PDB file of N, CA and C in Angstrom:
ATOM      1  N   UNK A   1    -129.155  47.114  68.214  1.00  0.00           N
ATOM      2  CA  UNK A   1    -130.085  47.188  68.774  1.00  0.00           C
ATOM      3  C   UNK A   1    -131.387  46.516  68.759  1.00  0.00           C
ATOM      4  N   UNK A   2    -132.337  45.771  69.613  1.00  0.00           N
ATOM      5  CA  UNK A   2    -133.613  45.110  69.056  1.00  0.00           C
ATOM      6  C   UNK A   2    -134.743  45.955  68.905  1.00  0.00           C
ATOM      7  N   UNK A   3    -135.861  45.474  67.974  1.00  0.00           N
ATOM      8  CA  UNK A   3    -136.792  45.974  67.632  1.00  0.00           C
ATOM      9  C   UNK A   3    -137.490  46.331  68.634  1.00  0.00           C
ATOM     10  N   UNK A   4    -138.029  47.764  68.804  1.00  0.00           N
ATOM     11  CA  UNK A   4    -139.231  48.177  70.128  1.00  0.00           C
ATOM     12  C   UNK A   4    -140.511  47.255  69.863  1.00  0.00           C
ATOM     13  N   UNK A   5    -140.804  46.605  71.213  1.00  0.00           N
ATOM     14  CA  UNK A   5    -141.982  45.469  71.165  1.00  0.00           C
ATOM     15  C   UNK A   5    -143.308  46.602  71.205  1.00  0.00           C
ATOM     16  N   UNK A   6    -144.450  46.378  70.232  1.00  0.00           N
ATOM     17  CA  UNK A   6    -145.156  47.301  69.875  1.00  0.00           C
ATOM     18  C   UNK A   6    -146.421  47.299  71.459  1.00  0.00           C
ATOM     19  N   UNK A   7    -145.689  46.303  72.083  1.00  0.00           N
ATOM     20  CA  UNK A   7    -147.125  46.553  73.072  1.00  0.00           C
ATOM     21  C   UNK A   7    -146.437  47.108  74.376  1.00  0.00           C
ATOM     22  N   UNK A   8    -145.457  47.190  74.066  1.00  0.00           N
ATOM     23  CA  UNK A   8    -144.713  48.021  75.591  1.00  0.00           C
ATOM     24  C   UNK A   8    -143.986  46.700  76.531  1.00  0.00           C
ATOM     25  N   UNK A   9    -143.748  45.575  75.861  1.00  0.00           N
ATOM     26  CA  UNK A   9    -143.346  44.467  76.968  1.00  0.00           C
ATOM     27  C   UNK A   9    -142.061  44.681  76.693  1.00  0.00           C
ATOM     28  N   UNK A  10    -141.395  44.396  78.050  1.00  0.00           N
ATOM     29  CA  UNK A  10    -140.046  44.388  77.810  1.00  0.00           C
ATOM     30  C   UNK A  10    -139.335  43.572  76.940  1.00  0.00           C
ATOM     31  N   UNK A  11    -138.311  43.718  76.625  1.00  0.00           N
ATOM     32  CA  UNK A  11    -137.520  42.902  75.457  1.00  0.00           C
ATOM     33  C   UNK A  11    -137.080  41.413  76.230  1.00  0.00           C
ATOM     34  N   UNK A  12    -137.085  40.441  75.762  1.00  0.00           N
ATOM     35  CA  UNK A  12    -136.693  38.850  75.862  1.00  0.00           C
ATOM     36  C   UNK A  12    -135.052  38.792  76.287  1.00  0.00           C
ATOM     37  N   UNK A  13    -134.640  39.679  76.350  1.00  0.00           N
ATOM     38  CA  UNK A  13    -133.054  39.532  76.605  1.00  0.00           C
ATOM     39  C   UNK A  13    -132.929  40.231  77.687  1.00  0.00           C
ATOM     40  N   UNK A  14    -132.115  39.767  78.863  1.00  0.00           N
ATOM     41  CA  UNK A  14    -131.697  40.460  79.865  1.00  0.00           C
ATOM     42  C   UNK A  14    -130.237  40.442  80.125  1.00  0.00           C
ATOM     43  N   UNK A  15    -129.689  41.521  80.614  1.00  0.00           N
ATOM     44  CA  UNK A  15    -128.174  41.324  80.947  1.00  0.00           C
ATOM     45  C   UNK A  15    -127.753  40.227  81.989  1.00  0.00           C
ATOM     46  N   UNK A  16    -126.689  39.572  81.766  1.00  0.00           N
ATOM     47  CA  UNK A  16    -126.176  38.248  82.762  1.00  0.00           C
ATOM     48  C   UNK A  16    -126.302  39.217  84.095  1.00  0.00           C
ATOM     49  N   UNK A  17    -126.852  38.132  84.844  1.00  0.00           N
ATOM     50  CA  UNK A  17    -126.823  38.382  86.530  1.00  0.00           C
ATOM     51  C   UNK A  17    -125.374  38.148  87.094  1.00  0.00           C
ATOM     52  N   UNK A  18    -124.572  38.833  87.601  1.00  0.00           N
ATOM     53  CA  UNK A  18    -123.304  38.345  87.943  1.00  0.00           C
ATOM     54  C   UNK A  18    -123.092  37.370  88.912  1.00  0.00           C
ATOM     55  N   UNK A  19    -124.335  37.203  89.842  1.00  0.00           N
ATOM     56  CA  UNK A  19    -124.284  36.202  90.636  1.00  0.00           C
ATOM     57  C   UNK A  19    -125.936  36.087  91.244  1.00  0.00           C
ATOM     58  N   UNK A  20    -126.036  34.898  92.049  1.00  0.00           N
ATOM     59  CA  UNK A  20    -127.582  34.805  92.880  1.00  0.00           C
ATOM     60  C   UNK A  20    -127.367  34.819  94.210  1.00  0.00           C
ATOM     61  N   UNK A  21    -128.603  35.155  95.146  1.00  0.00           N
ATOM     62  CA  UNK A  21    -128.586  35.280  96.322  1.00  0.00           C
ATOM     63  C   UNK A  21    -129.478  33.880  96.705  1.00  0.00           C
ATOM     64  N   UNK A  22    -129.022  33.510  97.759  1.00  0.00           N
ATOM     65  CA  UNK A  22    -130.065  32.646  98.448  1.00  0.00           C
ATOM     66  C   UNK A  22    -130.028  32.748  99.816  1.00  0.00           C
ATOM     67  N   UNK A  23    -131.122  32.880 100.420  1.00  0.00           N
ATOM     68  CA  UNK A  23    -131.190  32.931 102.090  1.00  0.00           C
ATOM     69  C   UNK A  23    -131.960  32.083 102.573  1.00  0.00           C
ATOM     70  N   UNK A  24    -131.709  30.734 103.015  1.00  0.00           N
ATOM     71  CA  UNK A  24    -133.024  29.801 103.739  1.00  0.00           C
ATOM     72  C   UNK A  24    -132.610  29.766 105.304  1.00  0.00           C
ATOM     73  N   UNK A  25    -133.449  30.296 105.683  1.00  0.00           N
ATOM     74  CA  UNK A  25    -133.691  30.236 107.318  1.00  0.00           C
ATOM     75  C   UNK A  25    -134.588  29.272 107.767  1.00  0.00           C
ATOM     76  N   UNK A  26    -133.933  28.358 108.967  1.00  0.00           N
ATOM     77  CA  UNK A  26    -134.427  26.978 109.229  1.00  0.00           C
ATOM     78  C   UNK A  26    -134.809  27.258 111.102  1.00  0.00           C
ATOM     79  N   UNK A  27    -135.892  26.700 110.969  1.00  0.00           N
ATOM     80  CA  UNK A  27    -136.126  26.991 112.717  1.00  0.00           C
ATOM     81  C   UNK A  27    -136.363  25.414 112.925  1.00  0.00           C
ATOM     82  N   UNK A  28    -135.529  24.959 113.590  1.00  0.00           N
ATOM     83  CA  UNK A  28    -135.372  23.535 114.351  1.00  0.00           C
ATOM     84  C   UNK A  28    -135.648  23.506 115.245  1.00  0.00           C
ATOM     85  N   UNK A  29    -136.369  21.959 115.705  1.00  0.00           N
ATOM     86  CA  UNK A  29    -136.843  21.960 117.158  1.00  0.00           C
ATOM     87  C   UNK A  29    -136.363  20.525 117.422  1.00  0.00           C
ATOM     88  N   UNK A  30    -135.057  20.771 118.268  1.00  0.00           N
ATOM     89  CA  UNK A  30    -135.291  19.076 119.224  1.00  0.00           C
ATOM     90  C   UNK A  30    -135.934  18.961 120.668  1.00  0.00           C
ATOM     91  N   UNK A  31    -136.690  17.896 120.584  1.00  0.00           N
ATOM     92  CA  UNK A  31    -136.602  17.683 122.035  1.00  0.00           C
ATOM     93  C   UNK A  31    -135.910  16.535 123.042  1.00  0.00           C
ATOM     94  N   UNK A  32    -136.109  16.431 124.132  1.00  0.00           N
ATOM     95  CA  UNK A  32    -135.314  15.592 124.703  1.00  0.00           C
ATOM     96  C   UNK A  32    -135.966  14.362 124.469  1.00  0.00           C
ATOM     97  N   UNK A  33    -135.517  13.102 124.851  1.00  0.00           N
ATOM     98  CA  UNK A  33    -135.899  11.593 124.899  1.00  0.00           C
ATOM     99  C   UNK A  33    -137.480  11.486 125.752  1.00  0.00           C
ATOM    100  N   UNK A  34    -138.260  11.349 125.390  1.00  0.00           N
ATOM    101  CA  UNK A  34    -139.667  11.040 126.112  1.00  0.00           C
ATOM    102  C   UNK A  34    -140.030  12.166 126.981  1.00  0.00           C
ATOM    103  N   UNK A  35    -139.096  13.505 126.233  1.00  0.00           N
ATOM    104  CA  UNK A  35    -139.637  14.622 126.699  1.00  0.00           C
ATOM    105  C   UNK A  35    -139.349  15.117 128.138  1.00  0.00           C
ATOM    106  N   UNK A  36    -138.283  14.393 128.546  1.00  0.00           N
ATOM    107  CA  UNK A  36    -137.686  14.034 129.842  1.00  0.00           C
ATOM    108  C   UNK A  36    -136.933  15.517 130.175  1.00  0.00           C
ATOM    109  N   UNK A  37    -137.015  16.298 131.379  1.00  0.00           N
ATOM    110  CA  UNK A  37    -136.574  17.355 131.751  1.00  0.00           C
ATOM    111  C   UNK A  37    -134.943  17.433 132.158  1.00  0.00           C
ATOM    112  N   UNK A  38    -134.143  16.688 130.986  1.00  0.00           N
ATOM    113  CA  UNK A  38    -132.598  16.644 131.209  1.00  0.00           C
ATOM    114  C   UNK A  38    -132.254  18.331 131.521  1.00  0.00           C
ATOM    115  N   UNK A  39    -132.706  18.934 130.901  1.00  0.00           N
ATOM    116  CA  UNK A  39    -132.165  20.366 130.654  1.00  0.00           C
ATOM    117  C   UNK A  39    -132.717  22.055 131.724  1.00  0.00           C
ATOM    118  N   UNK A  40    -133.299  21.051 133.208  1.00  0.00           N
ATOM    119  CA  UNK A  40    -133.632  21.544 134.185  1.00  0.00           C
ATOM    120  C   UNK A  40    -132.584  22.734 134.484  1.00  0.00           C
ATOM    121  N   UNK A  41    -131.495  22.672 134.930  1.00  0.00           N
ATOM    122  CA  UNK A  41    -130.430  22.998 135.246  1.00  0.00           C
ATOM    123  C   UNK A  41    -130.180  24.211 134.406  1.00  0.00           C
ATOM    124  N   UNK A  42    -130.542  25.829 134.615  1.00  0.00           N
ATOM    125  CA  UNK A  42    -130.307  26.601 133.776  1.00  0.00           C
ATOM    126  C   UNK A  42    -128.449  27.072 133.092  1.00  0.00           C
ATOM    127  N   UNK A  43    -127.830  26.676 134.130  1.00  0.00           N
ATOM    128  CA  UNK A  43    -126.270  26.780 133.757  1.00  0.00           C
ATOM    129  C   UNK A  43    -126.173  25.879 132.388  1.00  0.00           C
ATOM    130  N   UNK A  44    -126.353  24.312 132.915  1.00  0.00           N
ATOM    131  CA  UNK A  44    -126.175  23.667 131.595  1.00  0.00           C
ATOM    132  C   UNK A  44    -127.121  23.850 130.259  1.00  0.00           C
ATOM    133  N   UNK A  45    -128.432  24.166 130.164  1.00  0.00           N
ATOM    134  CA  UNK A  45    -129.108  24.747 129.517  1.00  0.00           C
ATOM    135  C   UNK A  45    -128.608  25.865 128.739  1.00  0.00           C
ATOM    136  N   UNK A  46    -127.746  26.694 128.993  1.00  0.00           N
ATOM    137  CA  UNK A  46    -127.333  27.842 128.661  1.00  0.00           C
ATOM    138  C   UNK A  46    -125.802  27.685 127.902  1.00  0.00           C
ATOM    139  N   UNK A  47    -125.401  26.877 128.156  1.00  0.00           N
ATOM    140  CA  UNK A  47    -124.152  26.286 128.054  1.00  0.00           C
ATOM    141  C   UNK A  47    -124.395  25.337 126.816  1.00  0.00           C
ATOM    142  N   UNK A  48    -125.725  24.587 126.810  1.00  0.00           N
ATOM    143  CA  UNK A  48    -125.973  23.604 125.282  1.00  0.00           C
ATOM    144  C   UNK A  48    -126.242  24.716 124.441  1.00  0.00           C
ATOM    145  N   UNK A  49    -126.889  25.470 124.737  1.00  0.00           N
ATOM    146  CA  UNK A  49    -127.613  26.692 123.605  1.00  0.00           C
ATOM    147  C   UNK A  49    -126.244  27.420 123.285  1.00  0.00           C
ATOM    148  N   UNK A  50    -125.006  27.333 123.715  1.00  0.00           N
ATOM    149  CA  UNK A  50    -123.996  27.975 122.816  1.00  0.00           C
ATOM    150  C   UNK A  50    -123.240  27.241 122.263  1.00  0.00           C
ATOM    151  N   UNK A  51    -123.169  25.833 122.535  1.00  0.00           N
ATOM    152  CA  UNK A  51    -122.296  25.047 122.147  1.00  0.00           C
ATOM    153  C   UNK A  51    -123.192  24.291 120.582  1.00  0.00           C
ATOM    154  N   UNK A  52    -124.473  24.282 120.585  1.00  0.00           N
ATOM    155  CA  UNK A  52    -125.161  24.264 119.389  1.00  0.00           C
ATOM    156  C   UNK A  52    -125.110  25.423 118.664  1.00  0.00           C
ATOM    157  N   UNK A  53    -124.892  26.692 119.005  1.00  0.00           N
ATOM    158  CA  UNK A  53    -124.874  27.669 118.185  1.00  0.00           C
ATOM    159  C   UNK A  53    -123.578  27.994 117.850  1.00  0.00           C
ATOM    160  N   UNK A  54    -122.270  27.444 118.112  1.00  0.00           N
ATOM    161  CA  UNK A  54    -121.054  27.224 118.067  1.00  0.00           C
ATOM    162  C   UNK A  54    -121.022  26.063 116.623  1.00  0.00           C
ATOM    163  N   UNK A  55    -121.710  24.921 116.974  1.00  0.00           N
ATOM    164  CA  UNK A  55    -121.600  23.756 116.255  1.00  0.00           C
ATOM    165  C   UNK A  55    -122.046  24.192 115.018  1.00  0.00           C
ATOM    166  N   UNK A  56    -123.376  25.078 114.797  1.00  0.00           N
ATOM    167  CA  UNK A  56    -124.286  25.298 114.062  1.00  0.00           C
ATOM    168  C   UNK A  56    -123.248  26.634 113.048  1.00  0.00           C
ATOM    169  N   UNK A  57    -122.518  27.363 113.747  1.00  0.00           N
ATOM    170  CA  UNK A  57    -121.408  28.306 112.768  1.00  0.00           C
ATOM    171  C   UNK A  57    -120.121  27.843 112.590  1.00  0.00           C
ATOM    172  N   UNK A  58    -119.887  26.359 112.817  1.00  0.00           N
ATOM    173  CA  UNK A  58    -118.730  26.016 112.180  1.00  0.00           C
ATOM    174  C   UNK A  58    -119.439  25.291 111.062  1.00  0.00           C
ATOM    175  N   UNK A  59    -120.715  24.627 111.009  1.00  0.00           N
ATOM    176  CA  UNK A  59    -120.819  24.169 109.809  1.00  0.00           C
ATOM    177  C   UNK A  59    -121.562  25.172 108.724  1.00  0.00           C
ATOM    178  N   UNK A  60    -121.095  26.619 109.038  1.00  0.00           N
ATOM    179  CA  UNK A  60    -121.524  27.309 108.004  1.00  0.00           C
ATOM    180  C   UNK A  60    -122.915  27.789 107.887  1.00  0.00           C
ATOM    181  N   UNK A  61    -123.569  27.545 109.070  1.00  0.00           N
ATOM    182  CA  UNK A  61    -125.205  27.963 109.362  1.00  0.00           C
ATOM    183  C   UNK A  61    -125.227  28.628 110.440  1.00  0.00           C
ATOM    184  N   UNK A  62    -124.816  29.850 110.529  1.00  0.00           N
ATOM    185  CA  UNK A  62    -124.934  30.826 111.326  1.00  0.00           C
ATOM    186  C   UNK A  62    -126.116  31.181 112.224  1.00  0.00           C
ATOM    187  N   UNK A  63    -125.977  30.601 113.405  1.00  0.00           N
ATOM    188  CA  UNK A  63    -127.212  31.008 114.276  1.00  0.00           C
ATOM    189  C   UNK A  63    -128.068  32.611 114.342  1.00  0.00           C
ATOM    190  N   UNK A  64    -129.228  32.662 114.612  1.00  0.00           N
ATOM    191  CA  UNK A  64    -129.546  33.762 114.701  1.00  0.00           C
ATOM    192  C   UNK A  64    -129.703  33.817 116.284  1.00  0.00           C
ATOM    193  N   UNK A  65    -130.426  32.689 116.652  1.00  0.00           N
ATOM    194  CA  UNK A  65    -131.162  32.645 118.030  1.00  0.00           C
ATOM    195  C   UNK A  65    -130.901  31.417 118.520  1.00  0.00           C
ATOM    196  N   UNK A  66    -130.636  30.785 119.725  1.00  0.00           N
ATOM    197  CA  UNK A  66    -130.708  29.653 120.144  1.00  0.00           C
ATOM    198  C   UNK A  66    -131.211  29.776 121.217  1.00  0.00           C
ATOM    199  N   UNK A  67    -132.582  29.094 121.931  1.00  0.00           N
ATOM    200  CA  UNK A  67    -133.119  29.042 123.247  1.00  0.00           C
ATOM    201  C   UNK A  67    -133.778  27.759 123.480  1.00  0.00           C
ATOM    202  N   UNK A  68    -134.579  27.703 124.749  1.00  0.00           N
ATOM    203  CA  UNK A  68    -135.506  26.609 124.669  1.00  0.00           C
ATOM    204  C   UNK A  68    -135.911  26.642 126.376  1.00  0.00           C
ATOM    205  N   UNK A  69    -136.290  25.191 126.638  1.00  0.00           N
ATOM    206  CA  UNK A  69    -136.757  25.151 128.144  1.00  0.00           C
ATOM    207  C   UNK A  69    -136.153  23.992 128.400  1.00  0.00           C
ATOM    208  N   UNK A  70    -136.675  23.039 129.861  1.00  0.00           N
ATOM    209  CA  UNK A  70    -136.015  22.243 129.840  1.00  0.00           C
ATOM    210  C   UNK A  70    -136.061  20.724 129.438  1.00  0.00           C
ATOM    211  N   UNK A  71    -136.912  20.682 128.592  1.00  0.00           N
ATOM    212  CA  UNK A  71    -136.869  19.375 127.437  1.00  0.00           C
ATOM    213  C   UNK A  71    -137.431  19.601 126.239  1.00  0.00           C
ATOM    214  N   UNK A  72    -136.776  21.180 125.430  1.00  0.00           N
ATOM    215  CA  UNK A  72    -136.585  21.083 123.778  1.00  0.00           C
ATOM    216  C   UNK A  72    -136.028  22.348 123.958  1.00  0.00           C
ATOM    217  N   UNK A  73    -135.198  22.529 122.680  1.00  0.00           N
ATOM    218  CA  UNK A  73    -134.442  23.368 122.256  1.00  0.00           C
ATOM    219  C   UNK A  73    -134.702  23.911 120.717  1.00  0.00           C
ATOM    220  N   UNK A  74    -134.904  25.247 120.390  1.00  0.00           N
ATOM    221  CA  UNK A  74    -134.949  25.765 119.488  1.00  0.00           C
ATOM    222  C   UNK A  74    -133.642  26.642 118.928  1.00  0.00           C
ATOM    223  N   UNK A  75    -133.570  26.150 117.475  1.00  0.00           N
ATOM    224  CA  UNK A  75    -132.640  26.864 116.471  1.00  0.00           C
ATOM    225  C   UNK A  75    -133.082  27.717 115.495  1.00  0.00           C
ATOM    226  N   UNK A  76    -132.786  28.969 115.481  1.00  0.00           N
ATOM    227  CA  UNK A  76    -133.325  29.655 114.332  1.00  0.00           C
ATOM    228  C   UNK A  76    -131.809  29.884 113.575  1.00  0.00           C
ATOM    229  N   UNK A  77    -131.465  29.479 112.118  1.00  0.00           N
ATOM    230  CA  UNK A  77    -130.371  29.664 111.588  1.00  0.00           C
ATOM    231  C   UNK A  77    -130.328  30.010 110.162  1.00  0.00           C
ATOM    232  N   UNK A  78    -129.760  30.669 109.770  1.00  0.00           N
ATOM    233  CA  UNK A  78    -129.400  30.815 108.316  1.00  0.00           C
ATOM    234  C   UNK A  78    -128.741  29.882 107.622  1.00  0.00           C
ATOM    235  N   UNK A  79    -129.274  28.924 106.760  1.00  0.00           N
ATOM    236  CA  UNK A  79    -128.906  27.630 106.119  1.00  0.00           C
ATOM    237  C   UNK A  79    -127.616  28.025 105.331  1.00  0.00           C
ATOM    238  N   UNK A  80    -126.487  27.385 105.325  1.00  0.00           N
ATOM    239  CA  UNK A  80    -125.505  27.542 104.700  1.00  0.00           C
ATOM    240  C   UNK A  80    -125.616  26.407 103.341  1.00  0.00           C
ATOM    241  N   UNK A  81    -124.757  26.661 102.343  1.00  0.00           N
ATOM    242  CA  UNK A  81    -124.516  26.080 100.820  1.00  0.00           C
ATOM    243  C   UNK A  81    -123.665  24.971 100.759  1.00  0.00           C
ATOM    244  N   UNK A  82    -122.872  24.935 101.718  1.00  0.00           N
ATOM    245  CA  UNK A  82    -122.212  23.886 101.751  1.00  0.00           C
ATOM    246  C   UNK A  82    -122.446  22.494 102.340  1.00  0.00           C
ATOM    247  N   UNK A  83    -123.527  22.468 102.911  1.00  0.00           N
ATOM    248  CA  UNK A  83    -124.239  21.296 103.701  1.00  0.00           C
ATOM    249  C   UNK A  83    -125.393  20.860 103.584  1.00  0.00           C
ATOM    250  N   UNK A  84    -125.691  19.618 103.495  1.00  0.00           N
ATOM    251  CA  UNK A  84    -127.353  19.147 103.358  1.00  0.00           C
ATOM    252  C   UNK A  84    -128.045  19.334 104.625  1.00  0.00           C
ATOM    253  N   UNK A  85    -129.351  19.483 104.891  1.00  0.00           N
ATOM    254  CA  UNK A  85    -129.850  19.590 105.902  1.00  0.00           C
ATOM    255  C   UNK A  85    -130.090  18.295 107.026  1.00  0.00           C
ATOM    256  N   UNK A  86    -129.805  16.860 106.086  1.00  0.00           N
ATOM    257  CA  UNK A  86    -129.582  15.773 106.810  1.00  0.00           C
ATOM    258  C   UNK A  86    -128.045  16.168 107.869  1.00  0.00           C
ATOM    259  N   UNK A  87    -126.947  16.418 106.833  1.00  0.00           N
ATOM    260  CA  UNK A  87    -125.784  16.460 107.971  1.00  0.00           C
ATOM    261  C   UNK A  87    -125.938  17.539 108.982  1.00  0.00           C
ATOM    262  N   UNK A  88    -126.513  18.540 108.555  1.00  0.00           N
ATOM    263  CA  UNK A  88    -126.798  19.556 109.572  1.00  0.00           C
ATOM    264  C   UNK A  88    -127.196  19.111 110.986  1.00  0.00           C
ATOM    265  N   UNK A  89    -128.241  18.698 110.774  1.00  0.00           N
ATOM    266  CA  UNK A  89    -129.172  17.764 112.241  1.00  0.00           C
ATOM    267  C   UNK A  89    -128.055  16.854 112.719  1.00  0.00           C
ATOM    268  N   UNK A  90    -127.578  15.858 111.670  1.00  0.00           N
ATOM    269  CA  UNK A  90    -126.857  14.973 112.214  1.00  0.00           C
ATOM    270  C   UNK A  90    -125.619  15.119 113.067  1.00  0.00           C
ATOM    271  N   UNK A  91    -124.946  16.263 112.546  1.00  0.00           N
ATOM    272  CA  UNK A  91    -123.587  16.854 113.204  1.00  0.00           C
ATOM    273  C   UNK A  91    -124.418  17.619 114.674  1.00  0.00           C
ATOM    274  N   UNK A  92    -125.151  18.055 114.742  1.00  0.00           N
ATOM    275  CA  UNK A  92    -125.990  19.098 115.870  1.00  0.00           C
ATOM    276  C   UNK A  92    -126.039  18.150 116.784  1.00  0.00           C
ATOM    277  N   UNK A  93    -126.761  16.907 116.371  1.00  0.00           N
ATOM    278  CA  UNK A  93    -127.148  16.352 117.402  1.00  0.00           C
ATOM    279  C   UNK A  93    -125.682  15.347 117.990  1.00  0.00           C
ATOM    280  N   UNK A  94    -125.262  14.872 116.765  1.00  0.00           N
ATOM    281  CA  UNK A  94    -123.767  14.076 117.127  1.00  0.00           C
ATOM    282  C   UNK A  94    -123.136  14.817 118.552  1.00  0.00           C
ATOM    283  N   UNK A  95    -122.581  15.994 117.890  1.00  0.00           N
ATOM    284  CA  UNK A  95    -121.725  16.942 118.828  1.00  0.00           C
ATOM    285  C   UNK A  95    -122.179  17.226 120.257  1.00  0.00           C
ATOM    286  N   UNK A  96    -123.650  17.676 119.966  1.00  0.00           N
ATOM    287  CA  UNK A  96    -124.165  18.358 121.338  1.00  0.00           C
ATOM    288  C   UNK A  96    -124.224  17.127 122.300  1.00  0.00           C
ATOM    289  N   UNK A  97    -124.874  15.944 121.833  1.00  0.00           N
ATOM    290  CA  UNK A  97    -125.061  14.510 122.739  1.00  0.00           C
ATOM    291  C   UNK A  97    -124.280  14.208 123.239  1.00  0.00           C
ATOM    292  N   UNK A  98    -122.723  14.353 122.664  1.00  0.00           N
ATOM    293  CA  UNK A  98    -121.536  14.036 123.430  1.00  0.00           C
ATOM    294  C   UNK A  98    -121.003  14.887 124.111  1.00  0.00           C
ATOM    295  N   UNK A  99    -121.227  15.894 124.137  1.00  0.00           N
ATOM    296  CA  UNK A  99    -120.529  17.217 124.845  1.00  0.00           C
ATOM    297  C   UNK A  99    -121.674  16.945 126.191  1.00  0.00           C
ATOM    298  N   UNK A 100    -122.887  16.915 126.236  1.00  0.00           N
ATOM    299  CA  UNK A 100    -123.613  16.793 126.965  1.00  0.00           C
ATOM    300  C   UNK A 100    -123.266  15.701 127.840  1.00  0.00           C
ATOM    301  N   UNK A 101    -123.134  14.492 127.553  1.00  0.00           N
ATOM    302  CA  UNK A 101    -122.985  13.457 128.087  1.00  0.00           C
ATOM    303  C   UNK A 101    -121.571  13.417 129.004  1.00  0.00           C
ATOM    304  N   UNK A 102    -120.715  14.466 128.783  1.00  0.00           N
ATOM    305  CA  UNK A 102    -119.671  14.742 129.106  1.00  0.00           C
ATOM    306  C   UNK A 102    -119.406  15.795 130.599  1.00  0.00           C
ATOM    307  N   UNK A 103    -120.997  16.246 130.649  1.00  0.00           N
ATOM    308  CA  UNK A 103    -121.384  17.335 131.564  1.00  0.00           C
ATOM    309  C   UNK A 103    -121.558  16.623 132.787  1.00  0.00           C
ATOM    310  N   UNK A 104    -121.839  15.343 133.249  1.00  0.00           N
ATOM    311  CA  UNK A 104    -122.054  14.739 134.301  1.00  0.00           C
ATOM    312  C   UNK A 104    -123.020  13.540 134.015  1.00  0.00           C
ATOM    313  N   UNK A 105    -122.748  12.372 135.340  1.00  0.00           N
ATOM    314  CA  UNK A 105    -123.551  11.079 135.009  1.00  0.00           C
ATOM    315  C   UNK A 105    -124.907  11.081 134.607  1.00  0.00           C
ATOM    316  N   UNK A 106    -125.466  12.236 135.348  1.00  0.00           N
ATOM    317  CA  UNK A 106    -127.254  12.335 135.305  1.00  0.00           C
ATOM    318  C   UNK A 106    -127.485  12.471 133.514  1.00  0.00           C
ATOM    319  N   UNK A 107    -126.459  12.707 132.734  1.00  0.00           N
ATOM    320  CA  UNK A 107    -126.747  12.985 131.135  1.00  0.00           C
ATOM    321  C   UNK A 107    -126.759  11.849 130.487  1.00  0.00           C
ATOM    322  N   UNK A 108    -126.436  10.409 130.806  1.00  0.00           N
ATOM    323  CA  UNK A 108    -125.673   9.600 130.816  1.00  0.00           C
ATOM    324  C   UNK A 108    -126.753   9.149 129.522  1.00  0.00           C
ATOM    325  N   UNK A 109    -127.970   8.826 129.743  1.00  0.00           N
ATOM    326  CA  UNK A 109    -129.057   8.442 128.975  1.00  0.00           C
ATOM    327  C   UNK A 109    -129.853   9.781 128.104  1.00  0.00           C
ATOM    328  N   UNK A 110    -129.218  10.754 128.008  1.00  0.00           N
ATOM    329  CA  UNK A 110    -129.472  11.702 127.316  1.00  0.00           C
ATOM    330  C   UNK A 110    -129.778  11.436 125.946  1.00  0.00           C
ATOM    331  N   UNK A 111    -130.993  12.134 124.701  1.00  0.00           N
ATOM    332  CA  UNK A 111    -130.846  12.041 123.586  1.00  0.00           C
ATOM    333  C   UNK A 111    -131.341  13.082 123.151  1.00  0.00           C
ATOM    334  N   UNK A 112    -131.219  13.609 121.917  1.00  0.00           N
ATOM    335  CA  UNK A 112    -132.057  14.552 121.499  1.00  0.00           C
ATOM    336  C   UNK A 112    -132.782  14.054 120.429  1.00  0.00           C
ATOM    337  N   UNK A 113    -134.104  14.367 120.069  1.00  0.00           N
ATOM    338  CA  UNK A 113    -134.710  14.093 118.657  1.00  0.00           C
ATOM    339  C   UNK A 113    -135.322  15.240 118.398  1.00  0.00           C
ATOM    340  N   UNK A 114    -135.405  14.747 116.909  1.00  0.00           N
ATOM    341  CA  UNK A 114    -136.098  16.017 116.031  1.00  0.00           C
ATOM    342  C   UNK A 114    -137.521  16.017 116.172  1.00  0.00           C
ATOM    343  N   UNK A 115    -138.096  16.885 116.533  1.00  0.00           N
ATOM    344  CA  UNK A 115    -139.482  16.700 116.579  1.00  0.00           C
ATOM    345  C   UNK A 115    -140.365  16.551 115.007  1.00  0.00           C
ATOM    346  N   UNK A 116    -141.463  15.892 114.881  1.00  0.00           N
ATOM    347  CA  UNK A 116    -141.711  16.028 113.775  1.00  0.00           C
ATOM    348  C   UNK A 116    -142.146  17.275 113.123  1.00  0.00           C
ATOM    349  N   UNK A 117    -141.950  17.986 112.088  1.00  0.00           N
ATOM    350  CA  UNK A 117    -142.677  18.742 111.356  1.00  0.00           C
ATOM    351  C   UNK A 117    -141.740  19.806 111.687  1.00  0.00           C
ATOM    352  N   UNK A 118    -140.286  19.788 111.125  1.00  0.00           N
ATOM    353  CA  UNK A 118    -139.398  21.291 111.025  1.00  0.00           C
ATOM    354  C   UNK A 118    -140.147  22.331 110.488  1.00  0.00           C
ATOM    355  N   UNK A 119    -139.904  23.577 110.820  1.00  0.00           N
ATOM    356  CA  UNK A 119    -140.085  24.701 110.102  1.00  0.00           C
ATOM    357  C   UNK A 119    -139.076  25.432 109.089  1.00  0.00           C
ATOM    358  N   UNK A 120    -139.548  25.287 107.935  1.00  0.00           N
ATOM    359  CA  UNK A 120    -138.420  25.662 107.155  1.00  0.00           C
ATOM    360  C   UNK A 120    -138.798  26.922 106.307  1.00  0.00           C
ATOM    361  N   UNK A 121    -138.275  28.160 105.949  1.00  0.00           N
ATOM    362  CA  UNK A 121    -138.901  29.033 105.392  1.00  0.00           C
ATOM    363  C   UNK A 121    -137.504  30.020 104.896  1.00  0.00           C
ATOM    364  N   UNK A 122    -138.354  31.011 103.756  1.00  0.00           N
ATOM    365  CA  UNK A 122    -137.198  31.228 102.698  1.00  0.00           C
ATOM    366  C   UNK A 122    -136.922  32.619 103.592  1.00  0.00           C
TER     367      UNK A 122
END
């Protein structure tokens, strides 16, 4: 048994922690190339939001909410432990850009851009 600390300070030895917990939430904002209103059609926009949520979930970064307007998209996700932020963004852009281009000839020039200044919080 350790000796009592005369000042009442807790002893320096602590029981081992069985695990650590990390919860990182990321608010990611993509804009369309040149802020063009590619996502004017509400049906396509809603389907894109579902696609982005599904892609993020597949990458073990479950979405809390996905939304946006005709020229940008927001994702709020709980970031996973198995992927880097760069890989996550790259895959979101790659898969969603490809999917949207398959939706019609009006999306041939569609490109998503990551807006400068992401929002990353604990």
